[in-house]
C-alpha atoms as a PDB file:
ATOM      1  CA  MET A   1     -77.505  13.679  14.113  1.00  0.00           C
ATOM      2  CA  GLY A   2     -79.023  10.618  16.592  1.00  0.00           C
ATOM      3  CA  ASN A   3     -77.589   7.095  16.535  1.00  0.00           C
ATOM      4  CA  SER A   4     -79.963   6.243  13.808  1.00  0.00           C
ATOM      5  CA  ALA A   5     -78.868   8.941  11.489  1.00  0.00           C
ATOM      6  CA  ALA A   6     -75.157   7.856  11.894  1.00  0.00           C
ATOM      7  CA  ALA A   7     -76.088   4.193  11.107  1.00  0.00           C
ATOM      8  CA  MET A   8     -78.298   5.202   8.424  1.00  0.00           C
ATOM      9  CA  ALA A   9     -75.290   7.321   6.847  1.00  0.00           C
ATOM     10  CA  THR A  10     -73.073   4.386   7.293  1.00  0.00           C
ATOM     11  CA  CYS A  11     -75.250   1.997   5.856  1.00  0.00           C
ATOM     12  CA  LEU A  12     -75.759   4.668   2.380  1.00  0.00           C
ATOM     13  CA  SER A  13     -71.638   4.440   2.510  1.00  0.00           C
ATOM     14  CA  VAL A  14     -71.474   0.726   2.529  1.00  0.00           C
ATOM     15  CA  LEU A  15     -74.024   0.626  -0.345  1.00  0.00           C
ATOM     16  CA  VAL A  16     -72.434   3.703  -2.495  1.00  0.00           C
ATOM     17  CA  ALA A  17     -69.281   1.525  -2.043  1.00  0.00           C
ATOM     18  CA  LEU A  18     -70.515  -1.780  -3.156  1.00  0.00           C
ATOM     19  CA  SER A  19     -72.259   0.002  -6.512  1.00  0.00           C
ATOM     20  CA  THR A  20     -69.200   1.487  -7.555  1.00  0.00           C
ATOM     21  CA  THR A  21     -67.244  -1.682  -7.159  1.00  0.00           C
ATOM     22  CA  GLY A  22     -69.798  -3.934  -8.449  1.00  0.00           C
ATOM     23  CA  CYS A  23     -70.873  -7.554  -7.574  1.00  0.00           C
ATOM     24  CA  GLN A  24     -68.035  -9.531  -8.972  1.00  0.00           C
ATOM     25  CA  GLY A  25     -67.831 -12.236  -6.991  1.00  0.00           C
ATOM     26  CA  VAL A  26     -64.812 -13.751  -5.033  1.00  0.00           C
ATOM     27  CA  GLN A  27     -61.526 -12.923  -7.231  1.00  0.00           C
ATOM     28  CA  GLU A  28     -58.814 -15.213  -7.755  1.00  0.00           C
ATOM     29  CA  PRO A  29     -55.830 -14.346  -5.794  1.00  0.00           C
ATOM     30  CA  GLN A  30     -52.580 -12.602  -7.459  1.00  0.00           C
ATOM     31  CA  VAL A  31     -49.249 -14.012  -7.243  1.00  0.00           C
ATOM     32  CA  ARG A  32     -46.524 -11.672  -8.017  1.00  0.00           C
ATOM     33  CA  GLY A  33     -42.777 -12.153  -7.699  1.00  0.00           C
ATOM     34  CA  PRO A  34     -40.465 -15.029  -8.661  1.00  0.00           C
ATOM     35  CA  ALA A  35     -41.513 -18.579  -7.952  1.00  0.00           C
ATOM     36  CA  PRO A  36     -40.022 -20.128  -4.936  1.00  0.00           C
ATOM     37  CA  SER A  37     -37.231 -22.441  -5.837  1.00  0.00           C
ATOM     38  CA  THR A  38     -37.512 -26.363  -5.055  1.00  0.00           C
ATOM     39  CA  THR A  39     -34.713 -27.647  -3.468  1.00  0.00           C
ATOM     40  CA  ALA A  40     -33.552 -31.169  -3.588  1.00  0.00           C
ATOM     41  CA  ILE A  41     -33.682 -33.023   0.229  1.00  0.00           C
ATOM     42  CA  ARG A  42     -29.968 -33.593   1.045  1.00  0.00           C
ATOM     43  CA  GLY A  43     -28.490 -35.636   3.380  1.00  0.00           C
ATOM     44  CA  PRO A  44     -26.868 -38.933   4.053  1.00  0.00           C
ATOM     45  CA  ALA A  45     -28.190 -42.029   2.619  1.00  0.00           C
ATOM     46  CA  TYR A  46     -27.968 -45.634   4.142  1.00  0.00           C
ATOM     47  CA  VAL A  47     -28.882 -49.522   3.983  1.00  0.00           C
ATOM     48  CA  ALA A  48     -30.046 -51.238   6.670  1.00  0.00           C
ATOM     49  CA  ASP A  49     -27.935 -54.481   7.479  1.00  0.00           C
ATOM     50  CA  ALA A  50     -30.350 -57.550   7.750  1.00  0.00           C
ATOM     51  CA  GLY A  51     -28.751 -59.084  10.677  1.00  0.00           C
ATOM     52  CA  THR A  52     -28.362 -56.144  12.798  1.00  0.00           C
ATOM     53  CA  GLY A  53     -30.353 -53.391  11.620  1.00  0.00           C
ATOM     54  CA  LEU A  54     -27.436 -50.488  12.121  1.00  0.00           C
ATOM     55  CA  PRO A  55     -27.391 -48.272   8.875  1.00  0.00           C
ATOM     56  CA  LEU A  56     -24.741 -48.529   6.755  1.00  0.00           C
ATOM     57  CA  SER A  57     -23.257 -46.349   4.231  1.00  0.00           C
ATOM     58  CA  ARG A  58     -21.469 -47.228   1.261  1.00  0.00           C
ATOM     59  CA  PRO A  59     -20.841 -50.802   2.891  1.00  0.00           C
ATOM     60  CA  VAL A  60     -17.831 -52.776   1.580  1.00  0.00           C
ATOM     61  CA  THR A  61     -19.824 -55.856   3.165  1.00  0.00           C
ATOM     62  CA  PHE A  62     -23.246 -56.165   3.286  1.00  0.00           C
ATOM     63  CA  PRO A  63     -25.713 -58.823   4.911  1.00  0.00           C
ATOM     64  CA  VAL A  64     -28.554 -58.490   2.305  1.00  0.00           C
ATOM     65  CA  THR A  65     -30.375 -61.350   3.942  1.00  0.00           C
ATOM     66  CA  GLU A  66     -30.255 -63.548   6.859  1.00  0.00           C
ATOM     67  CA  HIS A  67     -28.344 -66.138   4.492  1.00  0.00           C
ATOM     68  CA  SER A  68     -26.739 -64.229   1.777  1.00  0.00           C
ATOM     69  CA  THR A  69     -24.114 -61.601   2.002  1.00  0.00           C
ATOM     70  CA  LEU A  70     -22.695 -59.131  -0.623  1.00  0.00           C
ATOM     71  CA  ARG A  71     -18.615 -58.790   0.169  1.00  0.00           C
ATOM     72  CA  ARG A  72     -16.002 -56.735  -1.370  1.00  0.00           C
ATOM     73  CA  LEU A  73     -18.580 -53.898  -2.734  1.00  0.00           C
ATOM     74  CA  ARG A  74     -17.230 -51.075  -5.246  1.00  0.00           C
ATOM     75  CA  TRP A  75     -20.063 -48.516  -5.397  1.00  0.00           C
ATOM     76  CA  SER A  76     -20.594 -46.542  -8.369  1.00  0.00           C
ATOM     77  CA  SER A  77     -23.217 -44.518  -7.476  1.00  0.00           C
ATOM     78  CA  TRP A  78     -24.792 -43.854  -3.957  1.00  0.00           C
ATOM     79  CA  GLY A  79     -26.984 -41.355  -2.646  1.00  0.00           C
ATOM     80  CA  GLY A  80     -29.348 -40.457  -5.574  1.00  0.00           C
ATOM     81  CA  GLU A  81     -32.568 -42.502  -6.172  1.00  0.00           C
ATOM     82  CA  THR A  82     -30.618 -45.905  -7.314  1.00  0.00           C
ATOM     83  CA  ALA A  83     -26.982 -47.164  -5.848  1.00  0.00           C
ATOM     84  CA  VAL A  84     -25.031 -49.304  -7.899  1.00  0.00           C
ATOM     85  CA  ALA A  85     -22.381 -51.578  -7.047  1.00  0.00           C
ATOM     86  CA  THR A  86     -20.063 -54.842  -7.698  1.00  0.00           C
ATOM     87  CA  GLY A  87     -18.765 -57.483  -5.707  1.00  0.00           C
ATOM     88  CA  ARG A  88     -19.097 -60.761  -4.374  1.00  0.00           C
ATOM     89  CA  LEU A  89     -22.063 -62.879  -3.286  1.00  0.00           C
ATOM     90  CA  THR A  90     -21.630 -65.600  -0.625  1.00  0.00           C
ATOM     91  CA  GLY A  91     -24.398 -67.575   1.777  1.00  0.00           C
ATOM     92  CA  MET A  92     -25.192 -70.484   3.875  1.00  0.00           C
ATOM     93  CA  TRP A  93     -26.521 -72.238   0.564  1.00  0.00           C
ATOM     94  CA  CYS A  94     -22.853 -72.411  -0.530  1.00  0.00           C
ATOM     95  CA  ILE A  95     -20.521 -73.437   2.270  1.00  0.00           C
ATOM     96  CA  PRO A  96     -18.071 -74.573   1.612  1.00  0.00           C
ATOM     97  CA  GLU A  97     -17.583 -74.551  -2.027  1.00  0.00           C
ATOM     98  CA  CYS A  98     -18.421 -70.546  -2.882  1.00  0.00           C
ATOM     99  CA  GLY A  99     -14.782 -70.001  -1.316  1.00  0.00           C
ATOM    100  CA  GLU A 100     -14.552 -66.272  -2.185  1.00  0.00           C
ATOM    101  CA  GLY A 101     -17.821 -66.315  -3.468  1.00  0.00           C
ATOM    102  CA  PHE A 102     -19.723 -65.470  -7.237  1.00  0.00           C
ATOM    103  CA  PRO A 103     -19.156 -62.333  -8.827  1.00  0.00           C
ATOM    104  CA  ALA A 104     -22.500 -60.309  -8.175  1.00  0.00           C
ATOM    105  CA  SER A 105     -24.046 -56.830  -8.987  1.00  0.00           C
ATOM    106  CA  VAL A 106     -26.461 -55.027  -6.476  1.00  0.00           C
ATOM    107  CA  GLU A 107     -28.941 -52.174  -7.435  1.00  0.00           C
ATOM    108  CA  LEU A 108     -30.580 -50.799  -3.978  1.00  0.00           C
ATOM    109  CA  THR A 109     -33.637 -48.498  -4.816  1.00  0.00           C
ATOM    110  CA  GLY A 110     -36.908 -47.095  -3.070  1.00  0.00           C
ATOM    111  CA  LEU A 111     -34.960 -44.527  -1.425  1.00  0.00           C
ATOM    112  CA  LEU A 112     -37.197 -43.091   1.280  1.00  0.00           C
ATOM    113  CA  ARG A 113     -36.356 -39.975   2.751  1.00  0.00           C
ATOM    114  CA  LEU A 114     -37.394 -38.533   6.308  1.00  0.00           C
ATOM    115  CA  GLU A 115     -36.307 -35.731   7.593  1.00  0.00           C
ATOM    116  CA  ASN A 116     -33.071 -35.311   5.798  1.00  0.00           C
ATOM    117  CA  VAL A 117     -32.157 -39.098   5.807  1.00  0.00           C
ATOM    118  CA  GLY A 118     -32.582 -41.920   3.440  1.00  0.00           C
ATOM    119  CA  TYR A 119     -33.114 -45.588   3.413  1.00  0.00           C
ATOM    120  CA  TYR A 120     -33.007 -47.896   0.469  1.00  0.00           C
ATOM    121  CA  THR A 121     -35.895 -49.938   0.619  1.00  0.00           C
ATOM    122  CA  ARG A 122     -35.457 -52.478  -1.800  1.00  0.00           C
ATOM    123  CA  ALA A 123     -32.619 -54.396  -3.424  1.00  0.00           C
ATOM    124  CA  SER A 124     -31.985 -56.356  -6.504  1.00  0.00           C
ATOM    125  CA  VAL A 125     -28.941 -59.103  -6.795  1.00  0.00           C
ATOM    126  CA  ARG A 126     -27.614 -60.416  -9.787  1.00  0.00           C
ATOM    127  CA  ALA A 127     -25.041 -63.240  -9.621  1.00  0.00           C
ATOM    128  CA  PRO A 128     -24.726 -65.152 -13.029  1.00  0.00           C
ATOM    129  CA  GLY A 129     -22.804 -68.124 -11.836  1.00  0.00           C
ATOM    130  CA  VAL A 130     -25.111 -68.662  -8.754  1.00  0.00           C
ATOM    131  CA  ARG A 131     -27.421 -71.669 -10.027  1.00  0.00           C
ATOM    132  CA  PRO A 132     -31.166 -70.421  -9.437  1.00  0.00           C
ATOM    133  CA  ASP A 133     -31.637 -73.726  -7.385  1.00  0.00           C
ATOM    134  CA  SER A 134     -29.168 -72.939  -5.021  1.00  0.00           C
ATOM    135  CA  ALA A 135     -29.347 -69.750  -3.647  1.00  0.00           C
ATOM    136  CA  GLU A 136     -32.349 -67.971  -2.515  1.00  0.00           C
ATOM    137  CA  ASP A 137     -34.265 -65.094  -4.607  1.00  0.00           C
ATOM    138  CA  LEU A 138     -32.316 -62.362  -4.369  1.00  0.00           C
ATOM    139  CA  SER A 139     -33.995 -60.345  -7.284  1.00  0.00           C
ATOM    140  CA  ASP A 140     -36.291 -57.950  -5.340  1.00  0.00           C
ATOM    141  CA  LEU A 141     -35.853 -57.855  -1.672  1.00  0.00           C
ATOM    142  CA  HIS A 142     -37.701 -55.683   0.934  1.00  0.00           C
ATOM    143  CA  LEU A 143     -34.882 -53.947   3.103  1.00  0.00           C
ATOM    144  CA  GLY A 144     -35.472 -52.966   6.655  1.00  0.00           C
ATOM    145  CA  HIS A 145     -34.860 -49.329   7.723  1.00  0.00           C
ATOM    146  CA  PRO A 146     -36.103 -47.388  11.075  1.00  0.00           C
ATOM    147  CA  TRP A 147     -39.345 -46.260   9.939  1.00  0.00           C
ATOM    148  CA  LEU A 148     -40.229 -49.898   9.011  1.00  0.00           C
ATOM    149  CA  GLU A 149     -43.201 -49.652  11.679  1.00  0.00           C
ATOM    150  CA  GLU A 150     -44.337 -46.272  10.236  1.00  0.00           C
ATOM    151  CA  VAL A 151     -43.916 -45.840   6.722  1.00  0.00           C
ATOM    152  CA  GLN A 152     -44.371 -48.660   4.059  1.00  0.00           C
ATOM    153  CA  PRO A 153     -42.541 -48.240   0.874  1.00  0.00           C
END
């Protein structure tokens, strides 16, 4: 049996194999076993100081803008999608009459996580005792973070 006979025998074997398996086309892959579990991304969460850009975790004092600072903050939540605190609001716009500041609440949102570290990217401050015309608008602030150049929230 020469090379041509061997080649013909190989072709015949392939044709027999195809005829017994049919021409069903591409079959969908089958997945077996348990589904992979989803794991929540964990790691510390921070908010960037508006003046220095330094990362702050559960800050007691937080310069929320160049002209407004939250003080004596008490956090009821931190590290999740939303962080909430109450404290006092002071600012350049109220010196000297604001003294200890105005009662305020702050909600941080837009938690951006990269490499197991998160930064809150938005803040909303409510201070009912502050006249709207005397303070800067603090209702929807975009906060800085180290990835500001790379990722936009």
